[in-house]
Amino acid sequence: MSKIDELMSGTKEVLTARRVYGDPYEQDGVTIIPAAAIWGGGGGGEGEATDASTGSGGGFGMIGRPVGAYQIKDGEVSWVPAADTTRVILMAQMTMIAALLVLRSILRFRRSAG
């Protein structure tokens, strides 16, 4: 088996539904099944040169973030979204920057008009 085949085999083992849905757990009659968004990618190469050297290589990366959980209570299933605090903070910062830029433009306009 070549190194590329080994890399692809390992990739298939990593990108499974188990990475997206965590192990369910139960407490006080409520079952929680955590869920995440997973992105991954990989690449590789293999070859031989005309002299005595040979080459191969590969790599793989994966990013995951929680998106929420399924809650099962009294036979009813509901979706509970995860709060992404990083996104909330980033949006607040972007809103503040936009507000400051608008305020600066208004003040400049008033100075030049008056």
N, C-alpha and C. Protein backbone atom coordinates (compact mmCIF):
# COMPACT_ATOMS: atom_id res chain seq x y z
N MET A 1 0.85 -1.17 0.00
CA MET A 1 0.00 0.00 0.00
C MET A 1 0.90 1.23 0.00
N SER A 2 0.61 2.17 -0.89
CA SER A 2 1.44 3.37 -0.97
C SER A 2 1.07 4.33 0.16
N LYS A 3 1.91 5.33 0.35
CA LYS A 3 1.67 6.30 1.41
C LYS A 3 0.41 7.11 1.14
N ILE A 4 0.12 7.36 -0.13
CA ILE A 4 -1.10 8.09 -0.48
C ILE A 4 -2.33 7.26 -0.10
N ASP A 5 -2.28 5.96 -0.37
CA ASP A 5 -3.40 5.09 0.01
C ASP A 5 -3.58 5.07 1.52
N GLU A 6 -2.48 5.08 2.26
CA GLU A 6 -2.55 5.10 3.72
C GLU A 6 -3.19 6.40 4.19
N LEU A 7 -2.80 7.52 3.57
CA LEU A 7 -3.36 8.82 3.93
C LEU A 7 -4.86 8.85 3.68
N MET A 8 -5.29 8.37 2.51
CA MET A 8 -6.71 8.36 2.19
C MET A 8 -7.49 7.45 3.12
N SER A 9 -6.91 6.33 3.49
CA SER A 9 -7.56 5.41 4.41
C SER A 9 -7.73 6.08 5.78
N GLY A 10 -6.70 6.78 6.24
CA GLY A 10 -6.79 7.50 7.51
C GLY A 10 -7.81 8.61 7.45
N THR A 11 -7.92 9.27 6.31
CA THR A 11 -8.88 10.35 6.13
C THR A 11 -10.31 9.81 6.26
N LYS A 12 -10.57 8.67 5.65
CA LYS A 12 -11.90 8.07 5.73
C LYS A 12 -12.27 7.73 7.17
N GLU A 13 -11.28 7.30 7.96
CA GLU A 13 -11.54 6.96 9.34
C GLU A 13 -11.84 8.19 10.19
N VAL A 14 -11.23 9.33 9.85
CA VAL A 14 -11.41 10.55 10.63
C VAL A 14 -12.74 11.22 10.32
N LEU A 15 -13.11 11.30 9.04
CA LEU A 15 -14.34 12.00 8.63
C LEU A 15 -15.54 11.05 8.68
N THR A 16 -16.00 10.79 9.86
CA THR A 16 -17.16 9.92 10.05
C THR A 16 -18.25 10.68 10.79
N ALA A 17 -19.43 10.11 10.81
CA ALA A 17 -20.55 10.73 11.53
C ALA A 17 -20.23 10.84 13.01
N ARG A 18 -19.37 10.00 13.51
CA ARG A 18 -18.99 10.05 14.92
C ARG A 18 -18.30 11.36 15.28
N ARG A 19 -17.62 11.95 14.30
CA ARG A 19 -16.97 13.25 14.52
C ARG A 19 -18.01 14.37 14.54
N VAL A 20 -19.12 14.17 13.87
CA VAL A 20 -20.17 15.18 13.80
C VAL A 20 -21.09 15.07 15.01
N TYR A 21 -21.50 13.86 15.36
CA TYR A 21 -22.38 13.64 16.50
C TYR A 21 -21.59 12.98 17.61
N GLY A 22 -21.55 13.64 18.75
CA GLY A 22 -20.83 13.08 19.89
C GLY A 22 -21.62 11.95 20.51
N ASP A 23 -21.01 11.28 21.47
CA ASP A 23 -21.69 10.20 22.17
C ASP A 23 -22.85 10.77 22.98
N PRO A 24 -24.05 10.18 22.84
CA PRO A 24 -25.19 10.67 23.61
C PRO A 24 -24.98 10.41 25.10
N TYR A 25 -25.54 11.28 25.91
CA TYR A 25 -25.51 11.04 27.34
C TYR A 25 -26.87 11.40 27.92
N GLU A 26 -27.19 10.78 29.04
CA GLU A 26 -28.51 10.95 29.63
C GLU A 26 -28.38 11.40 31.08
N GLN A 27 -29.25 12.33 31.47
CA GLN A 27 -29.29 12.79 32.85
C GLN A 27 -30.71 13.25 33.16
N ASP A 28 -31.24 12.81 34.26
CA ASP A 28 -32.59 13.17 34.71
C ASP A 28 -33.64 12.92 33.64
N GLY A 29 -33.54 11.82 32.90
CA GLY A 29 -34.52 11.45 31.90
C GLY A 29 -34.42 12.21 30.59
N VAL A 30 -33.39 13.03 30.42
CA VAL A 30 -33.19 13.79 29.19
C VAL A 30 -31.92 13.27 28.50
N THR A 31 -32.06 12.93 27.23
CA THR A 31 -30.91 12.47 26.44
C THR A 31 -30.42 13.61 25.56
N ILE A 32 -29.12 13.84 25.56
CA ILE A 32 -28.50 14.89 24.77
C ILE A 32 -27.55 14.23 23.76
N ILE A 33 -27.69 14.63 22.48
CA ILE A 33 -26.79 14.16 21.42
C ILE A 33 -26.11 15.40 20.84
N PRO A 34 -24.85 15.66 21.23
CA PRO A 34 -24.16 16.85 20.72
C PRO A 34 -23.82 16.72 19.24
N ALA A 35 -23.85 17.87 18.53
CA ALA A 35 -23.55 17.89 17.09
C ALA A 35 -22.53 18.99 16.80
N ALA A 36 -21.72 18.76 15.77
CA ALA A 36 -20.69 19.73 15.37
C ALA A 36 -20.63 19.81 13.85
N ALA A 37 -20.14 20.93 13.36
CA ALA A 37 -19.86 21.08 11.92
C ALA A 37 -18.38 20.76 11.73
N ILE A 38 -18.09 19.90 10.78
CA ILE A 38 -16.72 19.45 10.54
C ILE A 38 -16.34 19.74 9.09
N TRP A 39 -15.18 20.34 8.89
CA TRP A 39 -14.62 20.57 7.56
C TRP A 39 -13.24 19.94 7.53
N GLY A 40 -12.91 19.32 6.43
CA GLY A 40 -11.59 18.71 6.32
C GLY A 40 -11.12 18.68 4.88
N GLY A 41 -9.87 18.53 4.73
CA GLY A 41 -9.29 18.43 3.40
C GLY A 41 -7.89 17.84 3.48
N GLY A 42 -7.46 17.33 2.40
CA GLY A 42 -6.13 16.73 2.39
C GLY A 42 -5.55 16.73 0.99
N GLY A 43 -4.34 16.37 0.92
CA GLY A 43 -3.67 16.30 -0.37
C GLY A 43 -2.38 15.51 -0.24
N GLY A 44 -1.86 15.16 -1.37
CA GLY A 44 -0.61 14.41 -1.35
C GLY A 44 0.00 14.29 -2.72
N GLY A 45 1.16 13.74 -2.76
CA GLY A 45 1.85 13.54 -4.02
C GLY A 45 2.83 12.40 -3.90
N GLU A 46 3.16 11.82 -5.01
CA GLU A 46 4.10 10.71 -5.03
C GLU A 46 4.75 10.68 -6.39
N GLY A 47 6.00 10.36 -6.45
CA GLY A 47 6.65 10.32 -7.75
C GLY A 47 8.06 9.82 -7.65
N GLU A 48 8.65 9.57 -8.80
CA GLU A 48 10.03 9.12 -8.86
C GLU A 48 10.78 9.99 -9.85
N ALA A 49 11.99 10.33 -9.49
CA ALA A 49 12.83 11.11 -10.39
C ALA A 49 13.67 10.16 -11.24
N THR A 50 14.32 10.69 -12.22
CA THR A 50 15.14 9.85 -13.10
C THR A 50 16.39 9.37 -12.40
N ASP A 51 16.83 10.08 -11.36
CA ASP A 51 18.01 9.58 -10.63
C ASP A 51 17.55 8.67 -9.49
N ALA A 52 18.39 8.46 -8.49
CA ALA A 52 18.10 7.51 -7.42
C ALA A 52 17.11 8.03 -6.38
N SER A 53 16.73 9.29 -6.44
CA SER A 53 15.83 9.83 -5.41
C SER A 53 14.37 9.52 -5.77
N THR A 54 13.56 9.43 -4.74
CA THR A 54 12.12 9.27 -4.91
C THR A 54 11.43 10.29 -4.02
N GLY A 55 10.14 10.51 -4.25
CA GLY A 55 9.44 11.49 -3.44
C GLY A 55 8.04 11.05 -3.11
N SER A 56 7.56 11.54 -2.01
CA SER A 56 6.18 11.32 -1.62
C SER A 56 5.84 12.36 -0.57
N GLY A 57 4.58 12.54 -0.30
CA GLY A 57 4.18 13.50 0.72
C GLY A 57 2.68 13.56 0.83
N GLY A 58 2.24 14.10 1.91
CA GLY A 58 0.81 14.21 2.11
C GLY A 58 0.50 15.01 3.35
N GLY A 59 -0.73 15.41 3.46
CA GLY A 59 -1.16 16.16 4.63
C GLY A 59 -2.66 16.17 4.73
N PHE A 60 -3.13 16.52 5.91
CA PHE A 60 -4.56 16.52 6.16
C PHE A 60 -4.85 17.53 7.25
N GLY A 61 -5.96 18.24 7.11
CA GLY A 61 -6.38 19.18 8.15
C GLY A 61 -7.87 19.07 8.37
N MET A 62 -8.28 19.38 9.59
CA MET A 62 -9.69 19.28 9.93
C MET A 62 -10.04 20.39 10.92
N ILE A 63 -11.21 21.00 10.73
CA ILE A 63 -11.70 22.03 11.64
C ILE A 63 -13.10 21.61 12.07
N GLY A 64 -13.38 21.77 13.33
CA GLY A 64 -14.70 21.46 13.83
C GLY A 64 -15.15 22.50 14.84
N ARG A 65 -16.46 22.73 14.88
CA ARG A 65 -17.02 23.64 15.87
C ARG A 65 -18.39 23.12 16.27
N PRO A 66 -18.77 23.30 17.53
CA PRO A 66 -20.09 22.84 17.96
C PRO A 66 -21.20 23.69 17.35
N VAL A 67 -22.28 23.05 16.96
CA VAL A 67 -23.41 23.79 16.39
C VAL A 67 -24.67 23.63 17.24
N GLY A 68 -24.70 22.66 18.12
CA GLY A 68 -25.87 22.47 18.97
C GLY A 68 -25.99 21.03 19.43
N ALA A 69 -27.19 20.70 19.86
CA ALA A 69 -27.45 19.34 20.33
C ALA A 69 -28.91 19.00 20.14
N TYR A 70 -29.16 17.72 19.93
CA TYR A 70 -30.53 17.22 19.93
C TYR A 70 -30.87 16.84 21.36
N GLN A 71 -32.04 17.27 21.81
CA GLN A 71 -32.50 16.96 23.15
C GLN A 71 -33.72 16.07 23.05
N ILE A 72 -33.68 14.93 23.70
CA ILE A 72 -34.81 14.00 23.70
C ILE A 72 -35.37 13.95 25.11
N LYS A 73 -36.61 14.43 25.25
CA LYS A 73 -37.25 14.49 26.57
C LYS A 73 -38.71 14.09 26.40
N ASP A 74 -39.14 13.11 27.15
CA ASP A 74 -40.52 12.62 27.10
C ASP A 74 -40.93 12.21 25.69
N GLY A 75 -40.02 11.62 24.93
CA GLY A 75 -40.31 11.16 23.58
C GLY A 75 -40.31 12.25 22.53
N GLU A 76 -40.07 13.49 22.91
CA GLU A 76 -40.04 14.62 21.98
C GLU A 76 -38.58 14.99 21.69
N VAL A 77 -38.27 15.20 20.42
CA VAL A 77 -36.93 15.59 20.02
C VAL A 77 -36.94 17.08 19.65
N SER A 78 -36.00 17.81 20.21
CA SER A 78 -35.89 19.24 19.87
C SER A 78 -34.41 19.58 19.63
N TRP A 79 -34.22 20.61 18.84
CA TRP A 79 -32.87 21.09 18.51
C TRP A 79 -32.53 22.27 19.42
N VAL A 80 -31.37 22.21 20.05
CA VAL A 80 -30.91 23.30 20.91
C VAL A 80 -29.62 23.83 20.29
N PRO A 81 -29.66 25.03 19.65
CA PRO A 81 -28.45 25.55 19.01
C PRO A 81 -27.40 25.97 20.03
N ALA A 82 -26.14 25.83 19.64
CA ALA A 82 -25.03 26.25 20.49
C ALA A 82 -24.79 27.74 20.30
N ALA A 83 -24.46 28.42 21.37
CA ALA A 83 -24.13 29.84 21.28
C ALA A 83 -22.67 29.96 20.88
N ASP A 84 -22.40 30.55 19.73
CA ASP A 84 -21.04 30.73 19.24
C ASP A 84 -20.54 32.10 19.72
N THR A 85 -19.92 32.12 20.89
CA THR A 85 -19.50 33.39 21.48
C THR A 85 -18.45 34.10 20.63
N THR A 86 -17.62 33.35 19.94
CA THR A 86 -16.62 33.98 19.07
C THR A 86 -17.30 34.79 17.98
N ARG A 87 -18.32 34.24 17.38
CA ARG A 87 -19.05 34.94 16.32
C ARG A 87 -19.79 36.15 16.88
N VAL A 88 -20.37 36.03 18.06
CA VAL A 88 -21.07 37.15 18.68
C VAL A 88 -20.10 38.30 18.96
N ILE A 89 -18.94 37.98 19.52
CA ILE A 89 -17.95 39.01 19.81
C ILE A 89 -17.45 39.66 18.53
N LEU A 90 -17.17 38.87 17.51
CA LEU A 90 -16.71 39.40 16.23
C LEU A 90 -17.75 40.34 15.61
N MET A 91 -19.01 39.94 15.64
CA MET A 91 -20.06 40.79 15.08
C MET A 91 -20.20 42.10 15.87
N ALA A 92 -20.06 42.03 17.19
CA ALA A 92 -20.12 43.24 18.01
C ALA A 92 -18.97 44.18 17.67
N GLN A 93 -17.78 43.63 17.47
CA GLN A 93 -16.63 44.45 17.10
C GLN A 93 -16.82 45.09 15.73
N MET A 94 -17.32 44.32 14.78
CA MET A 94 -17.55 44.86 13.44
C MET A 94 -18.61 45.97 13.47
N THR A 95 -19.65 45.79 14.27
CA THR A 95 -20.69 46.80 14.39
C THR A 95 -20.12 48.08 15.01
N MET A 96 -19.28 47.93 16.03
CA MET A 96 -18.67 49.09 16.68
C MET A 96 -17.75 49.84 15.70
N ILE A 97 -16.97 49.13 14.94
CA ILE A 97 -16.09 49.76 13.95
C ILE A 97 -16.91 50.52 12.91
N ALA A 98 -17.98 49.89 12.42
CA ALA A 98 -18.83 50.56 11.43
C ALA A 98 -19.46 51.82 12.03
N ALA A 99 -19.92 51.75 13.28
CA ALA A 99 -20.53 52.91 13.93
C ALA A 99 -19.51 54.04 14.09
N LEU A 100 -18.29 53.70 14.45
CA LEU A 100 -17.24 54.72 14.60
C LEU A 100 -16.90 55.36 13.26
N LEU A 101 -16.85 54.58 12.21
CA LEU A 101 -16.57 55.14 10.88
C LEU A 101 -17.69 56.08 10.42
N VAL A 102 -18.93 55.71 10.67
CA VAL A 102 -20.06 56.57 10.31
C VAL A 102 -20.00 57.86 11.13
N LEU A 103 -19.74 57.75 12.42
CA LEU A 103 -19.64 58.94 13.28
C LEU A 103 -18.52 59.87 12.80
N ARG A 104 -17.39 59.30 12.45
CA ARG A 104 -16.27 60.10 11.94
C ARG A 104 -16.66 60.83 10.65
N SER A 105 -17.36 60.14 9.77
CA SER A 105 -17.80 60.78 8.52
C SER A 105 -18.78 61.92 8.79
N ILE A 106 -19.69 61.72 9.73
CA ILE A 106 -20.65 62.77 10.07
C ILE A 106 -19.92 63.99 10.64
N LEU A 107 -18.97 63.76 11.54
CA LEU A 107 -18.22 64.88 12.13
C LEU A 107 -17.40 65.62 11.09
N ARG A 108 -16.80 64.91 10.16
CA ARG A 108 -16.02 65.55 9.09
C ARG A 108 -16.93 66.39 8.19
N PHE A 109 -18.12 65.87 7.89
CA PHE A 109 -19.06 66.58 7.04
C PHE A 109 -19.52 67.87 7.72
N ARG A 110 -19.80 67.79 9.03
CA ARG A 110 -20.25 68.98 9.77
C ARG A 110 -19.15 70.05 9.82
N ARG A 111 -17.89 69.62 9.99
CA ARG A 111 -16.78 70.58 10.02
C ARG A 111 -16.61 71.29 8.69
N SER A 112 -16.73 70.53 7.60
CA SER A 112 -16.51 71.12 6.28
C SER A 112 -17.71 71.98 5.86
N ALA A 113 -18.91 71.68 6.35
CA ALA A 113 -20.10 72.45 5.99
C ALA A 113 -20.23 73.72 6.84
N GLY A 114 -19.65 73.72 8.02
CA GLY A 114 -19.86 74.84 8.94
C GLY A 114 -18.80 75.83 8.92
